[in-house]
Amino acid sequence: MFYVYILKSKKDNTLYKGFTENLKKRFVKHNSGEGSIYSSTKKPYELIWYCAFANKRKALKFERYLKHGSGYAFTNRHFI
């Protein structure tokens, strides 16, 4: 499975949107500071939403949507 997820920083309430094939492992990495450079400064995180996809291409396309343009409004309206 392929996962698109949204994390919320407990430090400053900012959101991080990402993609992974192993959600548990990636969540642990984010909270240990081994995630991206951006996310390491915002830890700790809570997982506020995720979606599982069987198709990698569709998952990546949806992650890209959430990170750009109308995906911001969609995130705020439906997931926050």
PDB file of N, CA and C in Angstrom:
ATOM      1  N   MET A   1       0.841  -1.184   0.000  1.00  0.00           N
ATOM      2  CA  MET A   1       0.000   0.000   0.000  1.00  0.00           C
ATOM      3  C   MET A   1       0.891   1.254   0.000  1.00  0.00           C
ATOM      4  N   PHE A   2       0.303   2.339  -0.452  1.00  0.00           N
ATOM      5  CA  PHE A   2       0.986   3.632  -0.511  1.00  0.00           C
ATOM      6  C   PHE A   2       0.121   4.628   0.256  1.00  0.00           C
ATOM      7  N   TYR A   3       0.750   5.439   1.079  1.00  0.00           N
ATOM      8  CA  TYR A   3       0.009   6.314   1.985  1.00  0.00           C
ATOM      9  C   TYR A   3       0.326   7.784   1.735  1.00  0.00           C
ATOM     10  N   VAL A   4      -0.713   8.584   1.755  1.00  0.00           N
ATOM     11  CA  VAL A   4      -0.602  10.033   1.792  1.00  0.00           C
ATOM     12  C   VAL A   4      -1.081  10.414   3.182  1.00  0.00           C
ATOM     13  N   TYR A   5      -0.339  11.290   3.843  1.00  0.00           N
ATOM     14  CA  TYR A   5      -0.655  11.591   5.240  1.00  0.00           C
ATOM     15  C   TYR A   5      -0.488  13.069   5.546  1.00  0.00           C
ATOM     16  N   ILE A   6      -1.139  13.487   6.624  1.00  0.00           N
ATOM     17  CA  ILE A   6      -1.001  14.857   7.115  1.00  0.00           C
ATOM     18  C   ILE A   6      -0.638  14.776   8.592  1.00  0.00           C
ATOM     19  N   LEU A   7       0.450  15.456   8.935  1.00  0.00           N
ATOM     20  CA  LEU A   7       0.888  15.560  10.314  1.00  0.00           C
ATOM     21  C   LEU A   7       0.670  16.984  10.787  1.00  0.00           C
ATOM     22  N   LYS A   8       0.400  17.138  12.059  1.00  0.00           N
ATOM     23  CA  LYS A   8       0.260  18.460  12.651  1.00  0.00           C
ATOM     24  C   LYS A   8       1.323  18.607  13.725  1.00  0.00           C
ATOM     25  N   SER A   9       2.091  19.684  13.636  1.00  0.00           N
ATOM     26  CA  SER A   9       3.140  19.943  14.612  1.00  0.00           C
ATOM     27  C   SER A   9       2.512  20.362  15.940  1.00  0.00           C
ATOM     28  N   LYS A  10       2.930  19.711  17.009  1.00  0.00           N
ATOM     29  CA  LYS A  10       2.462  20.107  18.344  1.00  0.00           C
ATOM     30  C   LYS A  10       3.198  21.349  18.808  1.00  0.00           C
ATOM     31  N   LYS A  11       4.272  21.689  18.122  1.00  0.00           N
ATOM     32  CA  LYS A  11       5.085  22.852  18.477  1.00  0.00           C
ATOM     33  C   LYS A  11       4.433  24.161  18.016  1.00  0.00           C
ATOM     34  N   ASP A  12       3.978  24.188  16.752  1.00  0.00           N
ATOM     35  CA  ASP A  12       3.423  25.437  16.222  1.00  0.00           C
ATOM     36  C   ASP A  12       2.169  25.243  15.365  1.00  0.00           C
ATOM     37  N   ASN A  13       1.567  24.054  15.400  1.00  0.00           N
ATOM     38  CA  ASN A  13       0.327  23.744  14.689  1.00  0.00           C
ATOM     39  C   ASN A  13       0.429  23.803  13.171  1.00  0.00           C
ATOM     40  N   THR A  14       1.629  23.812  12.600  1.00  0.00           N
ATOM     41  CA  THR A  14       1.764  23.769  11.150  1.00  0.00           C
ATOM     42  C   THR A  14       1.510  22.345  10.662  1.00  0.00           C
ATOM     43  N   LEU A  15       1.184  22.238   9.393  1.00  0.00           N
ATOM     44  CA  LEU A  15       0.882  20.941   8.798  1.00  0.00           C
ATOM     45  C   LEU A  15       2.027  20.475   7.907  1.00  0.00           C
ATOM     46  N   TYR A  16       2.232  19.174   7.882  1.00  0.00           N
ATOM     47  CA  TYR A  16       3.191  18.551   6.981  1.00  0.00           C
ATOM     48  C   TYR A  16       2.439  17.487   6.201  1.00  0.00           C
ATOM     49  N   LYS A  17       2.542  17.533   4.886  1.00  0.00           N
ATOM     50  CA  LYS A  17       1.863  16.559   4.026  1.00  0.00           C
ATOM     51  C   LYS A  17       2.918  15.719   3.340  1.00  0.00           C
ATOM     52  N   GLY A  18       2.719  14.404   3.340  1.00  0.00           N
ATOM     53  CA  GLY A  18       3.737  13.543   2.760  1.00  0.00           C
ATOM     54  C   GLY A  18       3.187  12.265   2.159  1.00  0.00           C
ATOM     55  N   PHE A  19       4.116  11.478   1.630  1.00  0.00           N
ATOM     56  CA  PHE A  19       3.830  10.212   0.972  1.00  0.00           C
ATOM     57  C   PHE A  19       4.823   9.181   1.491  1.00  0.00           C
ATOM     58  N   THR A  20       4.376   7.956   1.695  1.00  0.00           N
ATOM     59  CA  THR A  20       5.265   6.881   2.120  1.00  0.00           C
ATOM     60  C   THR A  20       4.662   5.526   1.792  1.00  0.00           C
ATOM     61  N   GLU A  21       5.511   4.517   1.829  1.00  0.00           N
ATOM     62  CA  GLU A  21       5.046   3.138   1.693  1.00  0.00           C
ATOM     63  C   GLU A  21       4.931   2.462   3.055  1.00  0.00           C
ATOM     64  N   ASN A  22       5.518   3.076   4.097  1.00  0.00           N
ATOM     65  CA  ASN A  22       5.467   2.518   5.442  1.00  0.00           C
ATOM     66  C   ASN A  22       5.119   3.646   6.417  1.00  0.00           C
ATOM     67  N   LEU A  23       3.845   3.805   6.706  1.00  0.00           N
ATOM     68  CA  LEU A  23       3.372   4.937   7.494  1.00  0.00           C
ATOM     69  C   LEU A  23       3.930   4.933   8.919  1.00  0.00           C
ATOM     70  N   LYS A  24       3.935   3.789   9.576  1.00  0.00           N
ATOM     71  CA  LYS A  24       4.438   3.726  10.959  1.00  0.00           C
ATOM     72  C   LYS A  24       5.901   4.128  11.040  1.00  0.00           C
ATOM     73  N   LYS A  25       6.705   3.580  10.150  1.00  0.00           N
ATOM     74  CA  LYS A  25       8.141   3.887  10.148  1.00  0.00           C
ATOM     75  C   LYS A  25       8.383   5.365   9.848  1.00  0.00           C
ATOM     76  N   ARG A  26       7.654   5.901   8.890  1.00  0.00           N
ATOM     77  CA  ARG A  26       7.829   7.318   8.515  1.00  0.00           C
ATOM     78  C   ARG A  26       7.415   8.246   9.657  1.00  0.00           C
ATOM     79  N   PHE A  27       6.340   7.910  10.358  1.00  0.00           N
ATOM     80  CA  PHE A  27       5.880   8.727  11.484  1.00  0.00           C
ATOM     81  C   PHE A  27       6.947   8.759  12.583  1.00  0.00           C
ATOM     82  N   VAL A  28       7.524   7.612  12.878  1.00  0.00           N
ATOM     83  CA  VAL A  28       8.592   7.547  13.880  1.00  0.00           C
ATOM     84  C   VAL A  28       9.781   8.390  13.440  1.00  0.00           C
ATOM     85  N   LYS A  29      10.132   8.332  12.163  1.00  0.00           N
ATOM     86  CA  LYS A  29      11.248   9.136  11.651  1.00  0.00           C
ATOM     87  C   LYS A  29      10.979  10.634  11.799  1.00  0.00           C
ATOM     88  N   HIS A  30       9.774  11.058  11.500  1.00  0.00           N
ATOM     89  CA  HIS A  30       9.437  12.475  11.645  1.00  0.00           C
ATOM     90  C   HIS A  30       9.598  12.909  13.102  1.00  0.00           C
ATOM     91  N   ASN A  31       9.111  12.117  14.024  1.00  0.00           N
ATOM     92  CA  ASN A  31       9.161  12.497  15.435  1.00  0.00           C
ATOM     93  C   ASN A  31      10.549  12.353  16.054  1.00  0.00           C
ATOM     94  N   SER A  32      11.429  11.612  15.406  1.00  0.00           N
ATOM     95  CA  SER A  32      12.794  11.489  15.908  1.00  0.00           C
ATOM     96  C   SER A  32      13.718  12.529  15.270  1.00  0.00           C
ATOM     97  N   GLY A  33      13.196  13.277  14.315  1.00  0.00           N
ATOM     98  CA  GLY A  33      13.993  14.292  13.636  1.00  0.00           C
ATOM     99  C   GLY A  33      14.695  13.774  12.394  1.00  0.00           C
ATOM    100  N   GLU A  34      14.443  12.535  12.000  1.00  0.00           N
ATOM    101  CA  GLU A  34      15.077  11.951  10.819  1.00  0.00           C
ATOM    102  C   GLU A  34      14.249  12.153   9.552  1.00  0.00           C
ATOM    103  N   GLY A  35      13.139  12.857   9.647  1.00  0.00           N
ATOM    104  CA  GLY A  35      12.306  13.098   8.470  1.00  0.00           C
ATOM    105  C   GLY A  35      12.988  14.108   7.577  1.00  0.00           C
ATOM    106  N   SER A  36      12.245  14.967   6.980  1.00  0.00           N
ATOM    107  CA  SER A  36      12.825  16.004   6.139  1.00  0.00           C
ATOM    108  C   SER A  36      13.436  17.098   7.013  1.00  0.00           C
ATOM    109  N   ILE A  37      14.253  17.939   6.419  1.00  0.00           N
ATOM    110  CA  ILE A  37      14.865  19.051   7.154  1.00  0.00           C
ATOM    111  C   ILE A  37      13.775  19.953   7.732  1.00  0.00           C
ATOM    112  N   TYR A  38      12.745  20.227   6.931  1.00  0.00           N
ATOM    113  CA  TYR A  38      11.639  21.068   7.393  1.00  0.00           C
ATOM    114  C   TYR A  38      10.957  20.446   8.610  1.00  0.00           C
ATOM    115  N   SER A  39      10.626  19.172   8.512  1.00  0.00           N
ATOM    116  CA  SER A  39       9.848  18.556   9.590  1.00  0.00           C
ATOM    117  C   SER A  39      10.662  18.363  10.861  1.00  0.00           C
ATOM    118  N   SER A  40      11.985  18.279  10.765  1.00  0.00           N
ATOM    119  CA  SER A  40      12.795  18.067  11.965  1.00  0.00           C
ATOM    120  C   SER A  40      12.754  19.273  12.901  1.00  0.00           C
ATOM    121  N   THR A  41      12.443  20.449  12.384  1.00  0.00           N
ATOM    122  CA  THR A  41      12.382  21.646  13.230  1.00  0.00           C
ATOM    123  C   THR A  41      11.013  21.844  13.871  1.00  0.00           C
ATOM    124  N   LYS A  42      10.045  21.043  13.492  1.00  0.00           N
ATOM    125  CA  LYS A  42       8.665  21.234  13.944  1.00  0.00           C
ATOM    126  C   LYS A  42       8.172  20.122  14.865  1.00  0.00           C
ATOM    127  N   LYS A  43       9.007  19.136  15.186  1.00  0.00           N
ATOM    128  CA  LYS A  43       8.569  18.002  15.995  1.00  0.00           C
ATOM    129  C   LYS A  43       8.241  18.436  17.410  1.00  0.00           C
ATOM    130  N   PRO A  44       7.417  17.725  18.120  1.00  0.00           N
ATOM    131  CA  PRO A  44       6.760  16.462  17.796  1.00  0.00           C
ATOM    132  C   PRO A  44       5.499  16.669  16.952  1.00  0.00           C
ATOM    133  N   TYR A  45       5.063  15.576  16.349  1.00  0.00           N
ATOM    134  CA  TYR A  45       3.902  15.581  15.468  1.00  0.00           C
ATOM    135  C   TYR A  45       2.815  14.649  15.967  1.00  0.00           C
ATOM    136  N   GLU A  46       1.606  14.952  15.510  1.00  0.00           N
ATOM    137  CA  GLU A  46       0.506  14.005  15.661  1.00  0.00           C
ATOM    138  C   GLU A  46      -0.028  13.740  14.258  1.00  0.00           C
ATOM    139  N   LEU A  47      -0.412  12.510  14.021  1.00  0.00           N
ATOM    140  CA  LEU A  47      -0.990  12.129  12.736  1.00  0.00           C
ATOM    141  C   LEU A  47      -2.461  12.521  12.766  1.00  0.00           C
ATOM    142  N   ILE A  48      -2.864  13.413  11.852  1.00  0.00           N
ATOM    143  CA  ILE A  48      -4.264  13.843  11.878  1.00  0.00           C
ATOM    144  C   ILE A  48      -5.096  13.214  10.761  1.00  0.00           C
ATOM    145  N   TRP A  49      -4.416  12.692   9.704  1.00  0.00           N
ATOM    146  CA  TRP A  49      -5.162  12.072   8.612  1.00  0.00           C
ATOM    147  C   TRP A  49      -4.219  11.263   7.751  1.00  0.00           C
ATOM    148  N   TYR A  50      -4.731  10.164   7.198  1.00  0.00           N
ATOM    149  CA  TYR A  50      -3.997   9.429   6.177  1.00  0.00           C
ATOM    150  C   TYR A  50      -4.982   8.703   5.277  1.00  0.00           C
ATOM    151  N   CYS A  51      -4.505   8.361   4.094  1.00  0.00           N
ATOM    152  CA  CYS A  51      -5.307   7.606   3.138  1.00  0.00           C
ATOM    153  C   CYS A  51      -4.398   6.582   2.478  1.00  0.00           C
ATOM    154  N   ALA A  52      -4.891   5.363   2.342  1.00  0.00           N
ATOM    155  CA  ALA A  52      -4.132   4.294   1.710  1.00  0.00           C
ATOM    156  C   ALA A  52      -4.556   4.148   0.252  1.00  0.00           C
ATOM    157  N   PHE A  53      -3.581   3.996  -0.618  1.00  0.00           N
ATOM    158  CA  PHE A  53      -3.813   3.812  -2.044  1.00  0.00           C
ATOM    159  C   PHE A  53      -3.164   2.512  -2.485  1.00  0.00           C
ATOM    160  N   ALA A  54      -3.788   1.804  -3.388  1.00  0.00           N
ATOM    161  CA  ALA A  54      -3.191   0.611  -3.971  1.00  0.00           C
ATOM    162  C   ALA A  54      -2.263   0.985  -5.125  1.00  0.00           C
ATOM    163  N   ASN A  55      -2.465   2.174  -5.700  1.00  0.00           N
ATOM    164  CA  ASN A  55      -1.733   2.624  -6.871  1.00  0.00           C
ATOM    165  C   ASN A  55      -0.770   3.752  -6.479  1.00  0.00           C
ATOM    166  N   LYS A  56       0.525   3.551  -6.673  1.00  0.00           N
ATOM    167  CA  LYS A  56       1.536   4.536  -6.283  1.00  0.00           C
ATOM    168  C   LYS A  56       1.365   5.854  -7.028  1.00  0.00           C
ATOM    169  N   ARG A  57       1.102   5.784  -8.303  1.00  0.00           N
ATOM    170  CA  ARG A  57       0.956   6.998  -9.104  1.00  0.00           C
ATOM    171  C   ARG A  57      -0.205   7.864  -8.620  1.00  0.00           C
ATOM    172  N   LYS A  58      -1.315   7.228  -8.267  1.00  0.00           N
ATOM    173  CA  LYS A  58      -2.465   7.981  -7.768  1.00  0.00           C
ATOM    174  C   LYS A  58      -2.169   8.605  -6.409  1.00  0.00           C
ATOM    175  N   ALA A  59      -1.438   7.889  -5.566  1.00  0.00           N
ATOM    176  CA  ALA A  59      -1.067   8.427  -4.258  1.00  0.00           C
ATOM    177  C   ALA A  59      -0.176   9.654  -4.411  1.00  0.00           C
ATOM    178  N   LEU A  60       0.822   9.562  -5.264  1.00  0.00           N
ATOM    179  CA  LEU A  60       1.720  10.699  -5.480  1.00  0.00           C
ATOM    180  C   LEU A  60       0.981  11.888  -6.086  1.00  0.00           C
ATOM    181  N   LYS A  61       0.051  11.605  -6.966  1.00  0.00           N
ATOM    182  CA  LYS A  61      -0.745  12.676  -7.583  1.00  0.00           C
ATOM    183  C   LYS A  61      -1.602  13.379  -6.530  1.00  0.00           C
ATOM    184  N   PHE A  62      -2.190  12.610  -5.610  1.00  0.00           N
ATOM    185  CA  PHE A  62      -3.014  13.218  -4.567  1.00  0.00           C
ATOM    186  C   PHE A  62      -2.158  14.006  -3.574  1.00  0.00           C
ATOM    187  N   GLU A  63      -0.976  13.504  -3.242  1.00  0.00           N
ATOM    188  CA  GLU A  63      -0.069  14.255  -2.362  1.00  0.00           C
ATOM    189  C   GLU A  63       0.291  15.592  -3.003  1.00  0.00           C
ATOM    190  N   ARG A  64       0.626  15.562  -4.271  1.00  0.00           N
ATOM    191  CA  ARG A  64       0.973  16.789  -4.999  1.00  0.00           C
ATOM    192  C   ARG A  64      -0.203  17.769  -4.986  1.00  0.00           C
ATOM    193  N   TYR A  65      -1.414  17.253  -5.163  1.00  0.00           N
ATOM    194  CA  TYR A  65      -2.613  18.092  -5.119  1.00  0.00           C
ATOM    195  C   TYR A  65      -2.741  18.774  -3.750  1.00  0.00           C
ATOM    196  N   LEU A  66      -2.558  18.018  -2.674  1.00  0.00           N
ATOM    197  CA  LEU A  66      -2.702  18.594  -1.331  1.00  0.00           C
ATOM    198  C   LEU A  66      -1.673  19.689  -1.055  1.00  0.00           C
ATOM    199  N   LYS A  67      -0.528  19.603  -1.697  1.00  0.00           N
ATOM    200  CA  LYS A  67       0.557  20.559  -1.450  1.00  0.00           C
ATOM    201  C   LYS A  67       0.480  21.814  -2.315  1.00  0.00           C
ATOM    202  N   HIS A  68      -0.432  21.856  -3.260  1.00  0.00           N
ATOM    203  CA  HIS A  68      -0.481  22.986  -4.187  1.00  0.00           C
ATOM    204  C   HIS A  68      -1.905  23.497  -4.390  1.00  0.00           C
ATOM    205  N   GLY A  69      -2.011  24.753  -4.721  1.00  0.00           N
ATOM    206  CA  GLY A  69      -3.254  25.372  -5.148  1.00  0.00           C
ATOM    207  C   GLY A  69      -4.472  25.062  -4.305  1.00  0.00           C
ATOM    208  N   SER A  70      -5.499  24.554  -4.943  1.00  0.00           N
ATOM    209  CA  SER A  70      -6.761  24.314  -4.255  1.00  0.00           C
ATOM    210  C   SER A  70      -6.670  23.191  -3.224  1.00  0.00           C
ATOM    211  N   GLY A  71      -5.590  22.430  -3.241  1.00  0.00           N
ATOM    212  CA  GLY A  71      -5.389  21.381  -2.241  1.00  0.00           C
ATOM    213  C   GLY A  71      -5.263  21.934  -0.836  1.00  0.00           C
ATOM    214  N   TYR A  72      -4.737  23.158  -0.702  1.00  0.00           N
ATOM    215  CA  TYR A  72      -4.660  23.797   0.612  1.00  0.00           C
ATOM    216  C   TYR A  72      -6.061  24.026   1.172  1.00  0.00           C
ATOM    217  N   ALA A  73      -6.937  24.588   0.367  1.00  0.00           N
ATOM    218  CA  ALA A  73      -8.314  24.837   0.803  1.00  0.00           C
ATOM    219  C   ALA A  73      -9.028  23.519   1.087  1.00  0.00           C
ATOM    220  N   PHE A  74      -8.820  22.524   0.252  1.00  0.00           N
ATOM    221  CA  PHE A  74      -9.431  21.209   0.457  1.00  0.00           C
ATOM    222  C   PHE A  74      -8.980  20.627   1.800  1.00  0.00           C
ATOM    223  N   THR A  75      -7.697  20.722   2.096  1.00  0.00           N
ATOM    224  CA  THR A  75      -7.164  20.228   3.373  1.00  0.00           C
ATOM    225  C   THR A  75      -7.833  20.927   4.547  1.00  0.00           C
ATOM    226  N   ASN A  76      -7.884  22.228   4.488  1.00  0.00           N
ATOM    227  CA  ASN A  76      -8.475  22.992   5.599  1.00  0.00           C
ATOM    228  C   ASN A  76      -9.969  22.717   5.778  1.00  0.00           C
ATOM    229  N   ARG A  77     -10.659  22.525   4.689  1.00  0.00           N
ATOM    230  CA  ARG A  77     -12.093  22.305   4.742  1.00  0.00           C
ATOM    231  C   ARG A  77     -12.454  20.895   5.211  1.00  0.00           C
ATOM    232  N   HIS A  78     -11.677  19.892   4.811  1.00  0.00           N
ATOM    233  CA  HIS A  78     -12.066  18.508   5.057  1.00  0.00           C
ATOM    234  C   HIS A  78     -11.272  17.778   6.137  1.00  0.00           C
ATOM    235  N   PHE A  79     -10.050  18.210   6.415  1.00  0.00           N
ATOM    236  CA  PHE A  79      -9.206  17.429   7.321  1.00  0.00           C
ATOM    237  C   PHE A  79      -8.842  18.137   8.609  1.00  0.00           C
ATOM    238  N   ILE A  80      -9.046  19.423   8.682  1.00  0.00           N
ATOM    239  CA  ILE A  80      -8.612  20.167   9.864  1.00  0.00           C
ATOM    240  C   ILE A  80      -9.804  20.460  10.764  1.00  0.00           C
TER     241      ILE A  80
END
